[in-house]
Amino acid sequence: MSAVASGHETQTLTFSISPVVSPVLDVGGQDTTVLSPVPSPSEVQNALNAFGTIAAAGGVTATAGGTNQVVVTFGANGNVPNI
């Protein structure tokens, strides 16, 4: 799910704990480092901001969403590809 509010897009990422996996996030065909099965918002934020293209476009902030969810807000204005 994504939404554009005040020009900054948000995307809600939901992680499943069954089966136990070590997820990676796909960013434009490149993968993040392996994350915890249900990563913390700071783990997701750090993994995404490690990409130069994301950091150069204003980076992201991540906050806790619902159960097993992380809400990512992009610093860049406008629509961005889904993670």
Protein backbone atom coordinates (compact mmCIF):
# COMPACT_ATOMS: atom_id res chain seq x y z
CA MET A 1 0.00 0.00 0.00
CA SER A 2 1.29 3.46 -0.77
CA ALA A 3 -0.04 6.95 -0.40
CA VAL A 4 1.24 10.38 -1.23
CA ALA A 5 0.70 12.87 1.59
CA SER A 6 2.23 16.33 1.53
CA GLY A 7 4.29 15.22 -1.45
CA HIS A 8 6.06 12.47 0.48
CA GLU A 9 5.05 8.92 -0.34
CA THR A 10 4.55 6.32 2.36
CA GLN A 11 4.68 2.57 1.89
CA THR A 12 3.59 0.02 4.48
CA LEU A 13 5.70 -3.14 4.55
CA THR A 14 4.25 -6.25 6.21
CA PHE A 15 6.56 -9.03 7.35
CA SER A 16 5.45 -12.62 7.93
CA ILE A 17 6.92 -14.73 10.70
CA SER A 18 5.65 -18.00 9.24
CA PRO A 19 7.59 -19.54 7.65
CA VAL A 20 10.62 -17.96 9.27
CA VAL A 21 12.65 -16.26 6.59
CA SER A 22 15.35 -13.64 6.49
CA PRO A 23 13.87 -11.03 4.15
CA VAL A 24 15.61 -8.62 1.84
CA LEU A 25 13.98 -5.58 0.26
CA ASP A 26 14.17 -5.08 -3.50
CA VAL A 27 15.01 -1.51 -4.45
CA GLY A 28 15.10 -0.99 -8.19
CA GLY A 29 16.51 -4.47 -8.82
CA GLN A 30 19.04 -4.29 -6.00
CA ASP A 31 18.58 -6.03 -2.67
CA THR A 32 19.22 -4.72 0.82
CA THR A 33 21.27 -6.68 3.28
CA VAL A 34 19.44 -9.60 4.88
CA LEU A 35 17.07 -8.35 7.56
CA SER A 36 15.70 -9.97 10.71
CA PRO A 37 12.52 -12.04 10.12
CA VAL A 38 10.46 -9.14 11.50
CA PRO A 39 12.82 -6.17 11.31
CA SER A 40 12.55 -3.07 13.47
CA PRO A 41 11.78 0.27 11.85
CA SER A 42 15.37 1.40 12.42
CA GLU A 43 16.72 -1.76 10.72
CA VAL A 44 14.53 -1.09 7.65
CA GLN A 45 15.42 2.61 7.65
CA ASN A 46 19.16 1.92 7.84
CA ALA A 47 19.00 -0.75 5.10
CA LEU A 48 17.14 1.55 2.70
CA ASN A 49 19.25 4.62 3.44
CA ALA A 50 22.36 2.58 2.62
CA PHE A 51 21.39 2.94 -1.05
CA GLY A 52 23.00 6.06 -2.50
CA THR A 53 20.03 6.79 -4.74
CA ILE A 54 17.62 6.80 -1.79
CA ALA A 55 19.95 8.80 0.45
CA ALA A 56 20.58 11.37 -2.32
CA ALA A 57 16.82 11.81 -2.81
CA GLY A 58 16.23 12.71 0.81
CA GLY A 59 16.38 9.27 2.41
CA VAL A 60 13.58 7.52 4.24
CA THR A 61 12.22 7.41 7.75
CA ALA A 62 10.58 4.29 9.12
CA THR A 63 8.10 3.93 11.95
CA ALA A 64 6.16 1.06 13.47
CA GLY A 65 2.87 0.28 11.79
CA GLY A 66 0.43 -2.45 12.72
CA THR A 67 1.44 -5.95 13.74
CA ASN A 68 4.64 -6.92 11.90
CA GLN A 69 4.48 -3.74 9.82
CA VAL A 70 6.90 -0.92 9.14
CA VAL A 71 5.74 2.32 7.53
CA VAL A 72 8.38 3.90 5.28
CA THR A 73 8.15 7.60 4.38
CA PHE A 74 10.30 8.81 1.52
CA GLY A 75 12.07 12.16 1.73
CA ALA A 76 11.66 12.74 -2.00
CA ASN A 77 8.45 14.34 -3.21
CA GLY A 78 6.16 12.44 -5.53
CA ASN A 79 5.53 8.84 -6.44
CA VAL A 80 8.33 6.33 -6.01
CA PRO A 81 8.47 2.67 -7.10
CA ASN A 82 7.16 0.13 -4.61
CA ILE A 83 9.69 -1.67 -2.46
